[in-house]
């Protein structure tokens, strides 16, 4: 079994090992004409699935935290648009905040505004919400002259076979297992029921091990407010 998985070639080789397939399998060419291209896409899907699980279940959002470029001006107008807006960062995944802990703040850390749902966007005051690829503030909002927001960025697709994936080295095998879990759901997958179940069991055990190891203290995990709206990983549209 691969130990480092430092690039896309090693990730693909581990995928082949997990699924018992090879580059010549027609099932891997189901979408693309070249099997290697389709596997590259599967690996990318596996990366995104692994990141989403890591953030939501293992509390690993801190690994991909970023701070947006300071906002010093807004587009739109209260009278004609019902608020003002700013385009989100191009690698934006989700806000790193909720209703109780605003992701928007001044550079020195003073939180600003209250996160609301899109359905209540016509409120007045210092409120904000996400819609499409924009961050909106509601009518009557008075933001600081310079405002940033904390966010979790989406993992970028690997564009070559030599770049290391932006994922914890010790847990990169999860990428391959998530990709394999997607693969076994395809009608053209050559694995039998037993082979598919082995992959599901491997994925479950790997997730369990990561979850256990990811707990850095004895403090029990606390449920956060459901206010994490505008989650583009899952396209909630809220």
Protein backbone atom coordinates (compact mmCIF):
# COMPACT_ATOMS: atom_id res chain seq x y z
CA UNK A 1 0.00 0.00 0.00
CA UNK A 2 1.25 3.50 -0.79
CA UNK A 3 2.53 5.38 2.25
CA UNK A 4 2.92 8.96 1.09
CA UNK A 5 0.70 9.49 -1.96
CA UNK A 6 2.63 12.63 -2.82
CA UNK A 7 1.22 13.21 -6.29
CA UNK A 8 -1.55 12.26 -8.70
CA UNK A 9 0.34 9.27 -10.10
CA UNK A 10 0.59 7.72 -6.64
CA UNK A 11 -3.06 8.50 -5.92
CA UNK A 12 -4.10 6.78 -9.15
CA UNK A 13 -1.93 3.75 -8.42
CA UNK A 14 -3.55 3.45 -4.99
CA UNK A 15 -6.99 3.73 -6.60
CA UNK A 16 -6.08 0.86 -8.93
CA UNK A 17 -4.92 -1.19 -5.95
CA UNK A 18 -8.10 -0.52 -3.96
CA UNK A 19 -10.45 -1.33 -6.84
CA UNK A 20 -8.39 -4.08 -8.44
CA UNK A 21 -8.59 -2.28 -11.79
CA UNK A 22 -6.06 -0.93 -14.27
CA UNK A 23 -5.83 1.79 -16.89
CA UNK A 24 -7.13 -0.61 -19.51
CA UNK A 25 -10.52 -1.12 -17.82
CA UNK A 26 -13.32 0.14 -20.04
CA UNK A 27 -15.36 1.19 -16.99
CA UNK A 28 -12.82 3.93 -16.32
CA UNK A 29 -13.43 5.29 -19.78
CA UNK A 30 -17.17 5.45 -19.37
CA UNK A 31 -17.26 9.24 -19.59
CA UNK A 32 -13.97 10.14 -21.25
CA UNK A 33 -12.49 8.33 -24.21
CA UNK A 34 -9.16 8.01 -22.43
CA UNK A 35 -9.21 6.04 -19.17
CA UNK A 36 -6.46 8.16 -17.62
CA UNK A 37 -8.50 11.34 -18.10
CA UNK A 38 -11.52 9.82 -16.43
CA UNK A 39 -9.45 8.62 -13.50
CA UNK A 40 -8.03 12.13 -13.09
CA UNK A 41 -11.61 13.33 -12.77
CA UNK A 42 -12.44 10.60 -10.26
CA UNK A 43 -9.43 11.56 -8.16
CA UNK A 44 -10.59 15.18 -8.18
CA UNK A 45 -14.08 14.14 -7.10
CA UNK A 46 -12.50 12.03 -4.37
CA UNK A 47 -10.50 15.04 -3.18
CA UNK A 48 -13.62 17.18 -2.88
CA UNK A 49 -15.59 14.43 -1.12
CA UNK A 50 -12.70 13.79 1.27
CA UNK A 51 -12.36 17.48 2.07
CA UNK A 52 -16.08 17.90 2.73
CA UNK A 53 -16.11 14.89 5.05
CA UNK A 54 -12.94 16.03 6.80
CA UNK A 55 -14.41 19.47 7.50
CA UNK A 56 -17.91 18.36 8.55
CA UNK A 57 -17.01 15.28 10.56
CA UNK A 58 -13.38 15.44 11.61
CA UNK A 59 -13.36 19.18 12.31
CA UNK A 60 -10.59 19.80 9.82
CA UNK A 61 -11.74 23.12 8.41
CA UNK A 62 -8.74 24.85 9.97
CA UNK A 63 -6.54 23.11 7.42
CA UNK A 64 -8.05 25.13 4.58
CA UNK A 65 -8.80 28.42 6.31
CA UNK A 66 -8.08 31.63 4.43
CA UNK A 67 -8.77 35.33 4.84
CA UNK A 68 -10.43 37.17 1.99
CA UNK A 69 -9.00 40.29 0.41
CA UNK A 70 -10.17 43.34 2.31
CA UNK A 71 -13.49 44.76 1.10
CA UNK A 72 -13.32 48.54 0.82
CA UNK A 73 -16.20 49.11 -1.61
CA UNK A 74 -19.49 47.43 -2.49
CA UNK A 75 -21.52 47.10 -5.67
CA UNK A 76 -25.25 47.64 -5.92
CA UNK A 77 -27.58 50.02 -4.13
CA UNK A 78 -30.10 49.69 -1.32
CA UNK A 79 -32.84 51.46 -3.26
CA UNK A 80 -32.56 49.49 -6.51
CA UNK A 81 -31.03 46.16 -5.42
CA UNK A 82 -32.31 45.74 -1.89
CA UNK A 83 -28.75 45.75 -0.55
CA UNK A 84 -25.14 45.78 -1.66
CA UNK A 85 -22.80 42.97 -2.64
CA UNK A 86 -19.22 41.87 -3.26
CA UNK A 87 -18.00 38.97 -5.38
CA UNK A 88 -16.71 36.03 -3.35
CA UNK A 89 -13.14 34.81 -3.67
CA UNK A 90 -12.67 32.53 -6.67
CA UNK A 91 -11.67 29.56 -4.48
CA UNK A 92 -14.46 30.16 -1.95
CA UNK A 93 -15.97 27.05 -0.42
CA UNK A 94 -17.87 28.19 2.65
CA UNK A 95 -17.81 30.91 5.26
CA UNK A 96 -15.86 30.04 8.38
CA UNK A 97 -18.51 31.31 10.77
CA UNK A 98 -22.16 31.09 11.78
CA UNK A 99 -24.94 33.16 13.31
CA UNK A 100 -23.21 33.38 16.68
CA UNK A 101 -19.69 33.91 15.35
CA UNK A 102 -19.66 36.12 12.29
CA UNK A 103 -17.13 35.29 9.61
CA UNK A 104 -16.94 38.99 8.74
CA UNK A 105 -14.55 41.10 10.80
CA UNK A 106 -12.13 43.99 10.78
CA UNK A 107 -8.48 43.20 10.18
CA UNK A 108 -7.77 43.41 13.93
CA UNK A 109 -10.41 40.77 14.70
CA UNK A 110 -13.56 42.70 15.67
CA UNK A 111 -16.51 40.74 14.34
CA UNK A 112 -19.14 42.56 12.32
CA UNK A 113 -22.67 41.79 11.22
CA UNK A 114 -25.11 38.94 11.65
CA UNK A 115 -25.38 36.06 9.22
CA UNK A 116 -28.94 35.47 8.01
CA UNK A 117 -30.75 33.19 5.59
CA UNK A 118 -31.43 34.25 2.03
CA UNK A 119 -35.16 34.12 2.80
CA UNK A 120 -34.80 37.01 5.28
CA UNK A 121 -32.62 39.14 3.01
CA UNK A 122 -34.97 42.13 3.15
CA UNK A 123 -34.21 42.84 6.79
CA UNK A 124 -32.57 46.15 7.60
CA UNK A 125 -29.38 46.64 9.55
CA UNK A 126 -25.99 45.02 9.82
CA UNK A 127 -26.84 41.64 8.30
CA UNK A 128 -25.23 39.60 5.53
CA UNK A 129 -25.97 36.49 3.49
CA UNK A 130 -24.69 34.56 0.50
CA UNK A 131 -26.38 34.38 -2.87
CA UNK A 132 -24.74 32.69 -5.82
CA UNK A 133 -21.16 33.89 -6.09
CA UNK A 134 -21.71 37.07 -4.08
CA UNK A 135 -21.63 38.17 -0.45
CA UNK A 136 -24.56 40.50 0.25
CA UNK A 137 -25.21 43.01 3.03
CA UNK A 138 -28.79 44.08 3.72
CA UNK A 139 -30.39 47.47 3.44
CA UNK A 140 -29.17 50.01 5.93
CA UNK A 141 -26.02 48.09 6.78
CA UNK A 142 -23.07 50.23 7.86
CA UNK A 143 -19.94 48.10 7.44
CA UNK A 144 -16.48 49.31 8.49
CA UNK A 145 -14.40 51.05 5.86
CA UNK A 146 -12.34 47.87 5.52
CA UNK A 147 -13.82 44.45 6.10
CA UNK A 148 -12.47 40.91 5.61
CA UNK A 149 -14.04 37.50 6.05
CA UNK A 150 -12.69 34.12 7.08
CA UNK A 151 -13.50 31.30 4.73
CA UNK A 152 -12.60 27.73 3.86
CA UNK A 153 -11.28 27.36 0.36
CA UNK A 154 -12.07 24.51 -2.00
CA UNK A 155 -9.26 22.13 -2.86
CA UNK A 156 -7.88 22.91 -6.29
CA UNK A 157 -7.87 20.26 -8.98
CA UNK A 158 -4.48 18.73 -9.69
CA UNK A 159 -3.43 19.88 -13.16
CA UNK A 160 -0.40 17.61 -13.50
CA UNK A 161 0.91 14.33 -12.15
CA UNK A 162 3.69 15.81 -9.99
CA UNK A 163 1.86 18.28 -7.72
CA UNK A 164 1.09 17.15 -4.17
CA UNK A 165 -2.59 17.23 -3.16
CA UNK A 166 -3.62 19.91 -0.67
CA UNK A 167 -4.61 17.32 1.92
CA UNK A 168 -3.06 15.98 5.16
CA UNK A 169 -0.33 13.59 4.06
CA UNK A 170 -1.22 10.92 6.60
CA UNK A 171 -4.82 10.78 5.40
CA UNK A 172 -4.48 11.02 1.62
CA UNK A 173 -5.62 7.46 1.15
CA UNK A 174 -9.10 8.75 2.00
CA UNK A 175 -9.05 10.56 -1.36
CA UNK A 176 -8.60 7.25 -3.19
CA UNK A 177 -11.29 5.53 -1.14
CA UNK A 178 -13.78 8.34 -1.79
CA UNK A 179 -12.99 8.11 -5.50
CA UNK A 180 -13.45 4.33 -5.36
CA UNK A 181 -16.78 4.78 -3.57
CA UNK A 182 -17.96 6.96 -6.44
CA UNK A 183 -16.65 4.46 -8.99
CA UNK A 184 -18.47 1.44 -7.52
CA UNK A 185 -21.83 3.19 -7.91
CA UNK A 186 -21.47 3.22 -11.69
CA UNK A 187 -23.38 0.58 -13.65
CA UNK A 188 -20.24 -0.27 -15.63
CA UNK A 189 -18.15 -0.97 -12.52
CA UNK A 190 -16.65 -4.48 -12.94
CA UNK A 191 -16.52 -5.30 -9.21
CA UNK A 192 -18.97 -7.82 -7.74
CA UNK A 193 -21.06 -7.18 -4.62
CA UNK A 194 -18.38 -8.53 -2.31
CA UNK A 195 -15.70 -6.33 -3.84
CA UNK A 196 -17.88 -3.25 -3.51
CA UNK A 197 -18.68 -4.06 0.11
CA UNK A 198 -14.96 -4.39 0.90
CA UNK A 199 -14.39 -0.86 -0.40
CA UNK A 200 -17.29 0.51 1.63
CA UNK A 201 -15.97 -1.20 4.76
CA UNK A 202 -12.45 0.13 4.10
CA UNK A 203 -13.83 3.64 3.67
CA UNK A 204 -15.83 3.39 6.89
CA UNK A 205 -12.84 2.16 8.90
CA UNK A 206 -10.54 4.80 7.44
CA UNK A 207 -13.00 7.54 8.31
CA UNK A 208 -13.32 6.18 11.85
CA UNK A 209 -9.55 6.17 12.32
CA UNK A 210 -9.20 9.72 11.02
CA UNK A 211 -12.05 10.95 13.19
CA UNK A 212 -10.48 9.45 16.30
CA UNK A 213 -7.04 10.82 15.52
CA UNK A 214 -8.35 14.28 14.60
CA UNK A 215 -9.53 14.96 18.14
CA UNK A 216 -6.65 17.02 19.53
CA UNK A 217 -8.08 17.48 23.04
CA UNK A 218 -10.50 15.72 25.40
CA UNK A 219 -13.02 18.49 24.95
CA UNK A 220 -16.20 16.95 23.53
CA UNK A 221 -17.28 18.21 20.17
CA UNK A 222 -20.05 20.77 20.39
CA UNK A 223 -22.87 21.16 17.93
CA UNK A 224 -22.65 24.44 16.07
CA UNK A 225 -25.62 26.48 15.00
CA UNK A 226 -27.25 25.52 11.73
CA UNK A 227 -26.45 29.03 10.57
CA UNK A 228 -23.66 27.96 8.24
CA UNK A 229 -25.64 29.08 5.22
CA UNK A 230 -24.47 29.39 1.66
CA UNK A 231 -22.50 26.16 1.68
CA UNK A 232 -21.23 25.83 -1.88
CA UNK A 233 -19.70 22.39 -1.25
CA UNK A 234 -23.21 20.96 -1.25
CA UNK A 235 -24.98 23.67 -3.21
CA UNK A 236 -27.71 24.31 -0.66
CA UNK A 237 -28.46 27.70 -2.19
CA UNK A 238 -29.18 29.09 1.23
